[in-house]
């Protein structure tokens, strides 16, 4: 499964919100993603929410068994990641909230904004 298959039809047109919701419902990790979406409604500058949610999703996807995230814990690589990308994540989060259209945000922004 690719993001292309979730957000866009094969001809490149955006799928409807109904189609996206149906695709998400069929996703194997719906409980984890629902919890993360709920838990990340508000982000703060310290990165605690980011670290908590990242730890959960990486673990659920089996990415903590080997590689860069092997044996991940909340005092290791994720705080370093937050230090590097935290300001950008907060800015994206602010834009999504300000858009008033969280469900379709990625579909509705321009290419330059998405970049």
Protein backbone atom coordinates (compact mmCIF):
# COMPACT_ATOMS: atom_id res chain seq x y z
CA UNK A 1 0.00 0.00 0.00
CA UNK A 2 1.26 3.44 -0.86
CA UNK A 3 0.09 6.91 0.08
CA UNK A 4 -0.82 7.35 -3.56
CA UNK A 5 -3.39 4.57 -3.21
CA UNK A 6 -4.86 6.14 -0.07
CA UNK A 7 -5.17 9.80 -1.06
CA UNK A 8 -5.38 9.71 -4.86
CA UNK A 9 -7.03 7.64 -7.57
CA UNK A 10 -4.85 6.08 -10.26
CA UNK A 11 -5.59 9.04 -12.54
CA UNK A 12 -4.12 11.41 -9.93
CA UNK A 13 -7.39 12.96 -8.78
CA UNK A 14 -8.01 13.26 -5.03
CA UNK A 15 -10.22 10.64 -3.45
CA UNK A 16 -13.29 11.81 -1.60
CA UNK A 17 -13.23 12.01 2.21
CA UNK A 18 -15.55 8.98 2.24
CA UNK A 19 -13.09 6.94 0.16
CA UNK A 20 -10.18 7.99 2.41
CA UNK A 21 -12.14 7.07 5.57
CA UNK A 22 -13.02 3.65 4.11
CA UNK A 23 -9.38 3.02 3.26
CA UNK A 24 -8.30 4.00 6.76
CA UNK A 25 -10.96 1.76 8.34
CA UNK A 26 -9.45 -1.18 6.46
CA UNK A 27 -5.98 -0.36 7.73
CA UNK A 28 -4.57 -3.04 10.03
CA UNK A 29 -3.39 -0.62 12.74
CA UNK A 30 -6.56 1.45 13.11
CA UNK A 31 -6.53 1.45 16.94
CA UNK A 32 -2.96 2.73 17.13
CA UNK A 33 -3.51 5.40 14.49
CA UNK A 34 -6.78 6.52 16.10
CA UNK A 35 -5.04 6.85 19.47
CA UNK A 36 -2.19 8.81 17.92
CA UNK A 37 -4.53 11.15 16.06
CA UNK A 38 -6.45 11.75 19.29
CA UNK A 39 -3.33 12.16 21.43
CA UNK A 40 -1.69 14.57 18.98
CA UNK A 41 -4.57 17.04 18.69
CA UNK A 42 -2.46 19.40 20.77
CA UNK A 43 1.32 19.53 20.51
CA UNK A 44 3.67 21.37 22.82
CA UNK A 45 7.21 22.65 22.38
CA UNK A 46 8.88 20.04 24.58
CA UNK A 47 8.13 17.18 22.18
CA UNK A 48 6.60 14.88 24.82
CA UNK A 49 3.52 14.18 22.71
CA UNK A 50 5.64 13.61 19.59
CA UNK A 51 7.88 11.17 21.47
CA UNK A 52 4.94 9.29 23.00
CA UNK A 53 3.12 8.96 19.67
CA UNK A 54 6.27 8.12 17.71
CA UNK A 55 7.23 5.43 20.20
CA UNK A 56 3.78 3.87 19.88
CA UNK A 57 3.64 3.83 16.10
CA UNK A 58 7.22 2.63 15.65
CA UNK A 59 6.59 -0.19 18.10
CA UNK A 60 3.27 -1.17 16.51
CA UNK A 61 4.86 -1.35 13.08
CA UNK A 62 7.66 -3.57 14.37
CA UNK A 63 10.30 -0.95 13.63
CA UNK A 64 11.87 -1.27 17.09
CA UNK A 65 13.11 -4.80 16.47
CA UNK A 66 16.11 -3.80 14.37
CA UNK A 67 17.72 -0.85 12.65
CA UNK A 68 17.93 2.74 13.84
CA UNK A 69 14.93 2.40 16.17
CA UNK A 70 15.88 -0.94 17.75
CA UNK A 71 15.09 -0.94 21.44
CA UNK A 72 13.87 2.64 21.23
CA UNK A 73 13.03 4.42 24.43
CA UNK A 74 11.96 7.92 25.31
CA UNK A 75 15.46 9.08 26.26
CA UNK A 76 17.29 8.21 23.07
CA UNK A 77 16.82 8.98 19.39
CA UNK A 78 13.33 10.51 19.40
CA UNK A 79 14.29 13.53 21.53
CA UNK A 80 17.13 14.16 19.07
CA UNK A 81 14.66 13.89 16.19
CA UNK A 82 12.38 16.39 17.92
CA UNK A 83 15.28 18.81 18.35
CA UNK A 84 15.89 18.69 14.60
CA UNK A 85 12.31 18.73 13.26
CA UNK A 86 10.18 19.95 16.18
CA UNK A 87 9.76 23.51 14.94
CA UNK A 88 8.67 22.25 11.52
CA UNK A 89 6.22 19.76 13.05
CA UNK A 90 4.71 22.51 15.21
CA UNK A 91 4.38 24.76 12.15
CA UNK A 92 2.67 22.01 10.13
CA UNK A 93 0.39 21.27 13.07
CA UNK A 94 -0.52 24.96 13.37
CA UNK A 95 -1.32 25.18 9.65
CA UNK A 96 -3.52 22.08 9.79
CA UNK A 97 -5.44 23.41 12.80
CA UNK A 98 -5.75 26.88 11.26
CA UNK A 99 -7.06 25.42 7.99
CA UNK A 100 -10.23 24.25 9.72
CA UNK A 101 -10.18 21.19 7.46
CA UNK A 102 -8.00 18.63 9.20
CA UNK A 103 -9.53 15.68 7.29
CA UNK A 104 -8.61 17.09 3.87
CA UNK A 105 -5.63 19.29 4.68
CA UNK A 106 -3.06 17.40 2.57
CA UNK A 107 -5.45 17.19 -0.36
CA UNK A 108 -6.34 20.87 -0.36
CA UNK A 109 -2.98 22.60 0.07
CA UNK A 110 -1.01 23.74 -2.94
CA UNK A 111 2.10 21.95 -4.18
CA UNK A 112 4.34 24.74 -2.90
CA UNK A 113 2.74 24.63 0.59
CA UNK A 114 3.04 20.83 0.66
CA UNK A 115 6.72 21.07 -0.30
